[in-house]
Amino acid sequence: MRLIARFAQEKDDFFEIITVYDKRVIKERLNKKTPALISIAKDYPAAVWFERKISDDFGISILYSNDERPFVKHEHFPLGIYPMRKGFTQSTIRHEGEEAIDIKMNQGVVIGPTHPYHLESVQLQFFDRKQTVLHFEMMPFYKYRGIEKMLEGLKVSEGREVVERISASSSVAYQMAFLDIELQASKKTLPDMIKKRHSFLLELERVINHLTDLSLLCQLVEFSDGAEFFIKFVEEGRKTMKELTGHRFGFSSVRVDSDFQNMDEAYNFVFLLEKELLVFRKWIETRDKILEQTLLLGQIPKQKVLDYGLVGIMARCSGVRLDRREEEPFFEKHDYYMNVEDAGDTFSRFNIRISEIFTSLRIMRTLSKNDVLPFFLGTVNDGEYYSYVESSLGELMMYIAVKEGVIERFYVRDPSFLNAQALPFCVKNSDVSNIGLIIKSLPLNISAIDL
């Protein structure tokens, strides 16, 4: 079985551990006085991050773990504070030694893309010998946003605007996951004509993110013509998203009662990009610069992909067929095709992005515009709901427990939470000068890890 997520929630008399696999969900109850959980990291290495977060959030001991270091709590985090417990009601946390911290200059490693005034909340650490990386580690949660706690006690409808802003670059994917839970909770099925509009936006978001990554990879190998080509279409894609939804990142666009504002510009973008990308791909095949600098760089073996349950491009670049769209008849009906490579290197991840853009454009052409169909969500019923969406980064998993009409527990596992764990294997034994190129080749959004 493939591990998808492992997380905890507090009940009146016990802690509940929920372990989500691709084939089933397992729940365990822990005594609240002396809570202790047996680690599954021996069989599922990716569980380490999940378990470290459980320990920091709830004060639950992890037995037989091979990594007991804090995950959420950095060195200035106060002792005895468990932010996800029901008894924790503070709006802020005052860090120990806060006054003594005096940073006069920025020494962070930006692995963006980032907002000009926002650095990613992660610390990268590596050890090298003669410019060869011996060990690499990523330490997230230097910016703990408290989103899971923020949603507790809200009505489901009140949580939409928070959820859609968890990750701006995956805003549409997050909105689709959230809407799916709303539909489950109200026992409604979305009409195809509305689903077409949402799926068009999801594929547009995928195209924009792939174009962004490709432009950055071209910059890092000093292929300026390629970088300019992709950057041009990134900007056109953002303009198209704004034309359709009113916002460059598509905020508040996945609704059951909203229509596109301007569909003509969207189809112009689709046809122009496809036409020029065909010419560009033929031209780029005659150039060796990208091939020379990315071939066999940052490889991730297929077994590591399986061990860590990697998703999205990280799985498909190593020959693992994993894409949630393949399981949906809707996408099969609209010309979906899975693109897979075998080498697991930076060059494979570059190629897959280009191939997937063509797939997304083909899907988008089949999603014709329809008039708005009157549709209303019903009353939200109490219960537990799971949702999965294939974002541009990979499989996004969302869980919401509703009790007495409000959110009791919100949990989301962004694809970056799994894919980031592959970095040590991709970077090890590489030249230090290639670290940035390898990191940028991975589908990551660090801000979406630090909830």
Protein backbone atom coordinates (compact mmCIF):
# COMPACT_ATOMS: atom_id res chain seq x y z
CA MET A 1 0.00 0.00 0.00
CA ARG A 2 1.08 3.58 -0.64
CA LEU A 3 1.17 5.92 2.36
CA ILE A 4 -0.70 9.14 1.60
CA ALA A 5 -0.81 10.88 4.99
CA ARG A 6 -0.65 10.37 8.76
CA PHE A 7 -2.10 12.91 11.20
CA ALA A 8 -3.79 13.27 14.59
CA GLN A 9 -6.86 14.90 16.06
CA GLU A 10 -7.98 15.38 19.63
CA LYS A 11 -11.28 13.95 20.84
CA ASP A 12 -12.93 14.46 24.25
CA ASP A 13 -11.39 11.34 25.83
CA PHE A 14 -8.56 10.30 23.50
CA PHE A 15 -6.26 11.25 20.65
CA GLU A 16 -7.11 9.70 17.30
CA ILE A 17 -4.39 8.87 14.78
CA ILE A 18 -5.55 8.65 11.17
CA THR A 19 -3.26 6.90 8.70
CA VAL A 20 -4.38 7.23 5.09
CA TYR A 21 -3.22 4.68 2.54
CA ASP A 22 -4.26 4.44 -1.10
CA LYS A 23 -6.41 1.39 -0.35
CA ARG A 24 -7.73 2.03 3.17
CA VAL A 25 -7.77 4.32 6.20
CA ILE A 26 -6.63 3.07 9.62
CA LYS A 27 -7.59 4.79 12.89
CA GLU A 28 -5.94 4.33 16.29
CA ARG A 29 -6.92 5.63 19.72
CA LEU A 30 -4.31 6.86 22.19
CA ASN A 31 -4.64 7.46 25.92
CA LYS A 32 -4.62 11.21 26.56
CA LYS A 33 -2.65 10.95 29.81
CA THR A 34 0.37 9.19 28.31
CA PRO A 35 -0.10 9.28 24.54
CA ALA A 36 2.40 7.17 22.62
CA LEU A 37 2.32 6.07 19.00
CA ILE A 38 4.33 3.27 17.38
CA SER A 39 6.24 4.53 14.35
CA ILE A 40 5.62 3.00 10.93
CA ALA A 41 8.71 4.67 9.43
CA LYS A 42 10.57 1.36 9.11
CA ASP A 43 8.07 0.27 6.46
CA TYR A 44 7.14 3.76 5.23
CA PRO A 45 10.12 6.16 5.42
CA ALA A 46 7.94 9.15 4.53
CA ALA A 47 6.08 8.65 7.82
CA VAL A 48 8.97 10.30 9.70
CA TRP A 49 7.89 13.83 8.80
CA PHE A 50 4.24 13.06 9.55
CA GLU A 51 5.13 11.58 12.94
CA ARG A 52 7.47 14.39 13.92
CA LYS A 53 4.67 16.86 13.18
CA ILE A 54 2.18 14.80 15.21
CA SER A 55 4.61 14.85 18.14
CA ASP A 56 5.14 18.62 18.01
CA ASP A 57 1.49 19.50 17.41
CA PHE A 58 -0.07 17.27 20.07
CA GLY A 59 2.70 16.21 22.47
CA ILE A 60 2.42 12.55 21.44
CA SER A 61 5.51 10.38 21.91
CA ILE A 62 6.64 8.41 18.87
CA LEU A 63 8.01 4.99 19.81
CA TYR A 64 10.81 3.32 17.82
CA SER A 65 11.29 6.34 15.59
CA ASN A 66 14.63 6.81 13.86
CA ASP A 67 14.29 10.61 14.03
CA GLU A 68 12.94 12.22 17.20
CA ARG A 69 14.02 15.79 16.45
CA PRO A 70 11.43 18.58 16.58
CA PHE A 71 9.86 19.35 13.22
CA VAL A 72 7.48 22.26 13.73
CA LYS A 73 9.27 23.61 16.81
CA HIS A 74 12.50 25.38 15.99
CA GLU A 75 15.09 26.20 18.65
CA HIS A 76 13.23 29.26 19.97
CA PHE A 77 9.82 27.56 20.26
CA PRO A 78 8.66 27.57 23.92
CA LEU A 79 8.56 24.25 25.79
CA GLY A 80 5.28 22.61 26.74
CA ILE A 81 3.29 24.29 23.96
CA TYR A 82 1.25 21.95 21.73
CA PRO A 83 -0.55 24.25 19.25
CA MET A 84 -3.05 21.72 17.87
CA ARG A 85 -4.49 20.70 21.24
CA LYS A 86 -8.01 21.91 22.01
CA GLY A 87 -6.77 23.64 25.16
CA PHE A 88 -4.41 25.88 23.20
CA THR A 89 -6.30 29.11 22.45
CA GLN A 90 -3.54 31.72 22.09
CA SER A 91 -3.56 33.75 18.90
CA THR A 92 0.23 34.15 18.96
CA ILE A 93 3.25 32.37 20.43
CA ARG A 94 6.05 34.37 21.98
CA HIS A 95 9.32 32.66 21.21
CA GLU A 96 12.00 32.22 23.85
CA GLY A 97 15.00 34.48 23.39
CA GLU A 98 13.07 36.56 20.88
CA GLU A 99 14.66 39.81 22.00
CA ALA A 100 18.17 38.41 21.64
CA ILE A 101 17.76 37.64 17.94
CA ASP A 102 19.45 40.35 15.90
CA ILE A 103 19.75 39.57 12.20
CA LYS A 104 21.43 42.43 10.38
CA MET A 105 21.41 40.88 6.94
CA ASN A 106 19.46 38.28 5.00
CA GLN A 107 21.38 35.01 4.79
CA GLY A 108 18.46 32.82 3.71
CA VAL A 109 18.56 30.60 0.66
CA VAL A 110 15.60 31.55 -1.49
CA ILE A 111 14.24 28.51 -3.33
CA GLY A 112 11.08 30.35 -4.53
CA PRO A 113 9.55 31.55 -6.70
CA THR A 114 8.66 33.93 -3.91
CA HIS A 115 6.94 37.22 -3.37
CA PRO A 116 9.53 40.07 -3.32
CA TYR A 117 8.78 40.64 0.37
CA HIS A 118 8.42 37.03 1.43
CA LEU A 119 11.22 34.50 1.82
CA GLU A 120 10.41 30.81 1.88
CA SER A 121 10.19 29.50 5.42
CA VAL A 122 12.78 26.76 5.12
CA GLN A 123 16.41 26.26 6.04
CA LEU A 124 18.65 24.18 3.79
CA GLN A 125 21.71 22.54 5.24
CA PHE A 126 24.34 20.54 3.41
CA PHE A 127 27.84 19.21 3.95
CA ASP A 128 30.33 18.87 1.15
CA ARG A 129 33.86 17.67 0.47
CA LYS A 130 35.73 19.23 -2.43
CA GLN A 131 32.44 20.69 -3.78
CA THR A 132 30.67 17.31 -3.75
CA VAL A 133 27.54 17.09 -1.57
CA LEU A 134 27.87 14.43 1.12
CA HIS A 135 24.67 15.19 3.04
CA PHE A 136 21.69 17.45 2.44
CA GLU A 137 18.73 18.28 4.66
CA MET A 138 15.68 20.49 4.47
CA MET A 139 14.23 21.94 7.68
CA PRO A 140 10.78 23.53 7.16
CA PHE A 141 8.38 25.28 9.54
CA TYR A 142 10.35 28.45 10.16
CA LYS A 143 7.06 30.19 9.46
CA TYR A 144 4.19 28.38 11.22
CA ARG A 145 0.98 29.91 9.87
CA GLY A 146 -1.41 27.96 12.11
CA ILE A 147 -3.92 27.37 9.29
CA GLU A 148 -5.15 24.05 10.67
CA LYS A 149 -5.96 25.73 13.98
CA MET A 150 -7.42 28.79 12.26
CA LEU A 151 -10.14 26.72 10.58
CA GLU A 152 -11.33 24.98 13.74
CA GLY A 153 -14.78 26.19 14.78
CA LEU A 154 -15.59 27.86 11.44
CA LYS A 155 -18.56 26.91 9.32
CA VAL A 156 -17.43 25.02 6.22
CA SER A 157 -18.47 27.91 3.94
CA GLU A 158 -16.39 30.30 6.08
CA GLY A 159 -13.26 28.27 5.44
CA ARG A 160 -13.18 28.74 1.67
CA GLU A 161 -11.22 31.99 1.52
CA VAL A 162 -8.60 30.68 3.96
CA VAL A 163 -8.12 27.40 2.10
CA GLU A 164 -7.83 28.96 -1.36
CA ARG A 165 -4.93 31.11 -0.14
CA ILE A 166 -2.86 28.33 1.42
CA SER A 167 -0.86 28.11 -1.80
CA ALA A 168 -1.40 30.81 -4.40
CA SER A 169 0.22 28.79 -7.18
CA SER A 170 -2.17 25.88 -6.45
CA SER A 171 -5.19 27.97 -5.54
CA VAL A 172 -7.48 26.25 -8.06
CA ALA A 173 -6.45 22.76 -6.91
CA TYR A 174 -7.09 23.68 -3.26
CA GLN A 175 -10.48 25.16 -4.14
CA MET A 176 -11.46 22.04 -6.07
CA ALA A 177 -10.51 19.79 -3.15
CA PHE A 178 -12.49 21.98 -0.76
CA LEU A 179 -15.54 22.08 -3.05
CA ASP A 180 -15.43 18.30 -3.38
CA ILE A 181 -15.72 18.05 0.41
CA GLU A 182 -18.61 20.53 0.40
CA LEU A 183 -20.35 18.38 -2.21
CA GLN A 184 -19.78 15.20 -0.19
CA ALA A 185 -21.04 16.86 2.98
CA SER A 186 -24.20 18.14 1.30
CA LYS A 187 -24.71 14.91 -0.67
CA LYS A 188 -24.68 16.67 -4.02
CA THR A 189 -23.11 15.81 -7.40
CA LEU A 190 -21.64 18.55 -9.54
CA PRO A 191 -23.13 18.81 -13.06
CA ASP A 192 -20.65 18.15 -15.86
CA MET A 193 -20.96 21.62 -17.36
CA ILE A 194 -19.79 23.21 -14.09
CA LYS A 195 -17.07 20.60 -13.66
CA LYS A 196 -15.81 21.47 -17.14
CA ARG A 197 -15.23 25.08 -16.14
CA HIS A 198 -13.38 24.05 -12.98
CA SER A 199 -11.26 21.49 -14.84
CA PHE A 200 -10.34 24.11 -17.46
CA LEU A 201 -8.99 26.32 -14.66
CA LEU A 202 -7.12 23.40 -13.08
CA GLU A 203 -5.35 22.63 -16.37
CA LEU A 204 -4.63 26.32 -16.95
CA GLU A 205 -3.05 26.50 -13.49
CA ARG A 206 -0.99 23.39 -14.32
CA VAL A 207 0.23 24.95 -17.58
CA ILE A 208 1.22 28.22 -15.88
CA ASN A 209 3.15 26.42 -13.13
CA HIS A 210 4.97 24.17 -15.58
CA LEU A 211 5.89 27.17 -17.72
CA THR A 212 7.20 28.95 -14.62
CA ASP A 213 9.37 25.96 -13.65
CA LEU A 214 10.67 25.57 -17.20
CA SER A 215 11.66 29.24 -17.36
CA LEU A 216 13.61 28.91 -14.10
CA LEU A 217 15.38 25.75 -15.27
CA CYS A 218 16.38 27.51 -18.51
CA GLN A 219 17.76 30.44 -16.52
CA LEU A 220 19.85 28.12 -14.35
CA VAL A 221 21.47 26.45 -17.38
CA GLU A 222 21.99 29.92 -18.93
CA PHE A 223 19.66 29.17 -21.82
CA SER A 224 18.29 32.72 -22.12
CA ASP A 225 16.22 32.16 -25.28
CA GLY A 226 14.32 29.34 -23.60
CA ALA A 227 13.82 31.35 -20.41
CA GLU A 228 12.40 34.30 -22.39
CA PHE A 229 10.06 32.01 -24.33
CA PHE A 230 8.57 30.46 -21.20
CA ILE A 231 8.43 33.70 -19.20
CA LYS A 232 6.46 35.34 -22.01
CA PHE A 233 3.79 32.66 -21.81
CA VAL A 234 3.77 32.65 -18.00
CA GLU A 235 2.69 36.28 -18.14
CA GLU A 236 0.14 35.54 -20.86
CA GLY A 237 -1.19 32.67 -18.77
CA ARG A 238 -1.62 34.87 -15.72
CA LYS A 239 -3.42 37.48 -17.82
CA THR A 240 -5.71 34.75 -19.14
CA MET A 241 -6.45 33.54 -15.62
CA LYS A 242 -7.36 37.08 -14.64
CA GLU A 243 -9.57 37.48 -17.71
CA LEU A 244 -11.45 34.32 -16.76
CA THR A 245 -11.71 34.74 -13.00
CA GLY A 246 -10.91 38.32 -12.09
CA HIS A 247 -7.66 37.34 -10.34
CA ARG A 248 -4.19 36.30 -11.61
CA PHE A 249 -4.16 33.28 -9.27
CA GLY A 250 -7.84 32.43 -9.70
CA PHE A 251 -8.91 33.18 -6.14
CA SER A 252 -12.64 32.62 -5.50
CA SER A 253 -13.07 31.10 -8.97
CA VAL A 254 -14.15 27.53 -8.17
CA ARG A 255 -17.76 28.21 -7.33
CA VAL A 256 -21.01 26.52 -8.33
CA ASP A 257 -22.60 29.84 -9.32
CA SER A 258 -19.80 31.62 -11.22
CA ASP A 259 -19.11 31.80 -14.95
CA PHE A 260 -16.04 32.76 -16.94
CA GLN A 261 -15.72 36.45 -17.69
CA ASN A 262 -13.96 36.16 -21.08
CA MET A 263 -13.54 32.78 -22.76
CA ASP A 264 -12.30 34.04 -26.14
CA GLU A 265 -8.95 35.19 -24.73
CA ALA A 266 -8.47 31.82 -23.04
CA TYR A 267 -8.85 29.89 -26.27
CA ASN A 268 -6.52 32.30 -28.05
CA PHE A 269 -3.90 31.57 -25.36
CA VAL A 270 -4.37 27.80 -25.73
CA PHE A 271 -4.00 27.77 -29.52
CA LEU A 272 -1.08 30.23 -29.61
CA LEU A 273 0.90 28.41 -26.91
CA GLU A 274 0.37 25.03 -28.55
CA LYS A 275 1.44 26.36 -31.94
CA GLU A 276 4.61 28.05 -30.67
CA LEU A 277 5.51 25.25 -28.25
CA LEU A 278 5.51 22.74 -31.12
CA VAL A 279 8.05 24.88 -32.97
CA PHE A 280 10.05 25.49 -29.80
CA ARG A 281 10.25 21.76 -28.95
CA LYS A 282 11.61 20.91 -32.41
CA TRP A 283 14.15 23.72 -32.12
CA ILE A 284 15.24 22.77 -28.61
CA GLU A 285 15.89 19.18 -29.72
CA THR A 286 18.75 20.50 -31.84
CA ARG A 287 20.43 22.18 -28.88
CA ASP A 288 22.58 20.23 -26.43
CA LYS A 289 22.87 22.78 -23.62
CA ILE A 290 19.95 21.53 -21.51
CA LEU A 291 20.74 17.89 -22.21
CA GLU A 292 24.40 18.31 -21.25
CA GLN A 293 23.67 20.06 -17.96
CA THR A 294 20.65 18.08 -16.76
CA LEU A 295 21.10 14.51 -18.02
CA LEU A 296 21.59 12.09 -15.07
CA LEU A 297 21.58 15.08 -12.68
CA GLY A 298 19.55 14.78 -9.50
CA GLN A 299 18.36 11.24 -10.17
CA ILE A 300 15.75 9.63 -7.94
CA PRO A 301 15.58 5.81 -8.21
CA LYS A 302 12.19 4.18 -8.75
CA GLN A 303 12.47 2.31 -5.45
CA LYS A 304 12.93 5.58 -3.53
CA VAL A 305 9.83 6.93 -5.27
CA LEU A 306 7.88 3.92 -4.04
CA ASP A 307 9.41 3.99 -0.53
CA TYR A 308 8.54 7.65 0.02
CA GLY A 309 5.26 7.64 -1.86
CA LEU A 310 6.36 10.51 -4.11
CA VAL A 311 3.69 12.05 -6.30
CA GLY A 312 3.26 14.07 -9.48
CA ILE A 313 6.28 14.59 -11.71
CA MET A 314 8.52 13.05 -9.03
CA ALA A 315 6.74 9.72 -9.52
CA ARG A 316 6.24 9.89 -13.26
CA CYS A 317 9.86 10.90 -14.04
CA SER A 318 11.00 7.55 -12.59
CA GLY A 319 8.51 5.35 -14.39
CA VAL A 320 5.80 5.20 -11.71
CA ARG A 321 2.34 5.65 -13.21
CA LEU A 322 0.58 7.84 -10.67
CA ASP A 323 -1.90 10.57 -11.54
CA ARG A 324 -5.34 11.02 -9.97
CA ARG A 325 -6.72 12.15 -13.33
CA GLU A 326 -6.23 8.65 -14.73
CA GLU A 327 -8.80 7.34 -12.23
CA GLU A 328 -11.49 9.80 -13.32
CA PRO A 329 -13.71 8.92 -16.29
CA PHE A 330 -14.24 12.67 -16.78
CA PHE A 331 -10.59 13.23 -17.76
CA GLU A 332 -10.41 10.06 -19.83
CA LYS A 333 -13.39 11.40 -21.78
CA HIS A 334 -11.50 14.64 -22.40
CA ASP A 335 -8.27 13.34 -23.97
CA TYR A 336 -6.17 12.79 -20.83
CA TYR A 337 -2.88 10.93 -21.38
CA MET A 338 -0.23 10.15 -18.75
CA ASN A 339 3.31 11.23 -19.60
CA VAL A 340 6.01 9.01 -18.06
CA GLU A 341 9.82 8.96 -18.21
CA ASP A 342 12.23 6.42 -16.70
CA ALA A 343 15.56 8.10 -15.91
CA GLY A 344 14.32 10.01 -12.85
CA ASP A 345 16.72 12.90 -13.49
CA THR A 346 16.42 16.65 -14.00
CA PHE A 347 16.25 16.19 -17.78
CA SER A 348 13.28 13.81 -17.37
CA ARG A 349 11.48 16.33 -15.18
CA PHE A 350 12.11 19.01 -17.81
CA ASN A 351 10.71 16.80 -20.59
CA ILE A 352 7.64 15.71 -18.64
CA ARG A 353 6.67 19.31 -17.96
CA ILE A 354 6.70 20.08 -21.69
CA SER A 355 4.73 16.92 -22.50
CA GLU A 356 2.20 17.64 -19.77
CA ILE A 357 1.63 21.15 -21.09
CA PHE A 358 0.62 19.62 -24.42
CA THR A 359 -1.71 17.20 -22.59
CA SER A 360 -3.30 20.02 -20.61
CA LEU A 361 -3.79 22.15 -23.74
CA ARG A 362 -5.45 19.21 -25.48
CA ILE A 363 -7.78 18.71 -22.51
CA MET A 364 -8.59 22.42 -22.37
CA ARG A 365 -9.63 22.43 -26.04
CA THR A 366 -12.31 19.82 -25.31
CA LEU A 367 -13.81 21.77 -22.42
CA SER A 368 -16.22 24.04 -24.22
CA LYS A 369 -17.97 26.94 -22.53
CA ASN A 370 -21.52 26.42 -21.29
CA ASP A 371 -24.10 28.71 -19.79
CA VAL A 372 -24.37 28.80 -16.01
CA LEU A 373 -26.61 26.07 -14.65
CA PRO A 374 -28.49 26.95 -11.46
CA PHE A 375 -26.95 24.80 -8.73
CA PHE A 376 -26.96 25.14 -4.98
CA LEU A 377 -25.07 23.37 -2.22
CA GLY A 378 -27.31 21.85 0.42
CA THR A 379 -26.98 21.73 4.19
CA VAL A 380 -23.61 20.44 5.36
CA ASN A 381 -23.93 17.16 7.26
CA ASP A 382 -21.64 16.15 10.11
CA GLY A 383 -19.03 13.56 9.23
CA GLU A 384 -15.49 12.97 7.99
CA TYR A 385 -14.60 13.74 4.40
CA TYR A 386 -11.52 13.05 2.25
CA SER A 387 -10.73 14.69 -1.07
CA TYR A 388 -7.98 14.21 -3.68
CA VAL A 389 -6.99 16.48 -6.58
CA GLU A 390 -4.08 16.12 -9.01
CA SER A 391 -2.47 19.55 -8.81
CA SER A 392 0.49 20.63 -10.95
CA LEU A 393 2.77 19.46 -8.11
CA GLY A 394 1.05 16.09 -7.70
CA GLU A 395 -1.64 14.55 -5.54
CA LEU A 396 -3.22 16.98 -3.06
CA MET A 397 -5.05 15.33 -0.14
CA MET A 398 -7.54 17.19 2.08
CA TYR A 399 -9.49 16.04 5.15
CA ILE A 400 -12.24 17.85 7.02
CA ALA A 401 -14.19 16.58 10.04
CA VAL A 402 -17.47 18.42 10.61
CA LYS A 403 -19.19 18.31 14.01
CA GLU A 404 -22.35 20.22 14.89
CA GLY A 405 -22.10 22.15 11.64
CA VAL A 406 -18.57 23.49 12.12
CA ILE A 407 -15.07 22.31 11.25
CA GLU A 408 -13.66 20.16 14.05
CA ARG A 409 -10.43 19.22 12.24
CA PHE A 410 -8.89 20.46 9.01
CA TYR A 411 -5.86 18.74 7.56
CA VAL A 412 -4.20 19.03 4.18
CA ARG A 413 -1.21 17.17 2.80
CA ASP A 414 0.30 19.18 0.00
CA PRO A 415 2.32 17.17 -2.57
CA SER A 416 5.39 19.16 -1.51
CA PHE A 417 5.28 17.47 1.92
CA LEU A 418 6.20 14.18 0.22
CA ASN A 419 8.30 15.44 -2.68
CA ALA A 420 10.58 17.54 -0.46
CA GLN A 421 11.74 14.37 1.25
CA ALA A 422 13.34 13.25 -2.00
CA LEU A 423 15.80 16.15 -2.02
CA PRO A 424 18.56 14.44 0.01
CA PHE A 425 18.66 11.55 -2.50
CA CYS A 426 18.55 13.83 -5.54
CA VAL A 427 21.28 16.14 -4.27
CA LYS A 428 23.71 13.65 -2.70
CA ASN A 429 26.99 13.22 -4.62
CA SER A 430 26.14 16.16 -6.88
CA ASP A 431 28.37 19.16 -7.35
CA VAL A 432 27.49 22.03 -5.01
CA SER A 433 27.02 24.32 -8.01
CA ASN A 434 24.11 22.16 -9.19
CA ILE A 435 22.05 22.29 -5.98
CA GLY A 436 19.85 25.14 -7.20
CA LEU A 437 19.19 23.45 -10.54
CA ILE A 438 18.19 20.18 -8.85
CA ILE A 439 15.91 21.91 -6.33
CA LYS A 440 14.17 23.89 -9.07
CA SER A 441 13.58 20.71 -11.07
CA LEU A 442 11.49 19.25 -8.25
CA PRO A 443 7.79 20.21 -7.99
CA LEU A 444 7.87 22.03 -4.64
CA ASN A 445 6.03 24.81 -2.85
CA ILE A 446 7.59 25.12 0.58
CA SER A 447 4.99 27.58 1.84
CA ALA A 448 2.34 24.87 1.36
CA ILE A 449 4.22 22.62 3.81
CA ASP A 450 4.31 25.17 6.63
CA LEU A 451 0.64 25.26 7.52
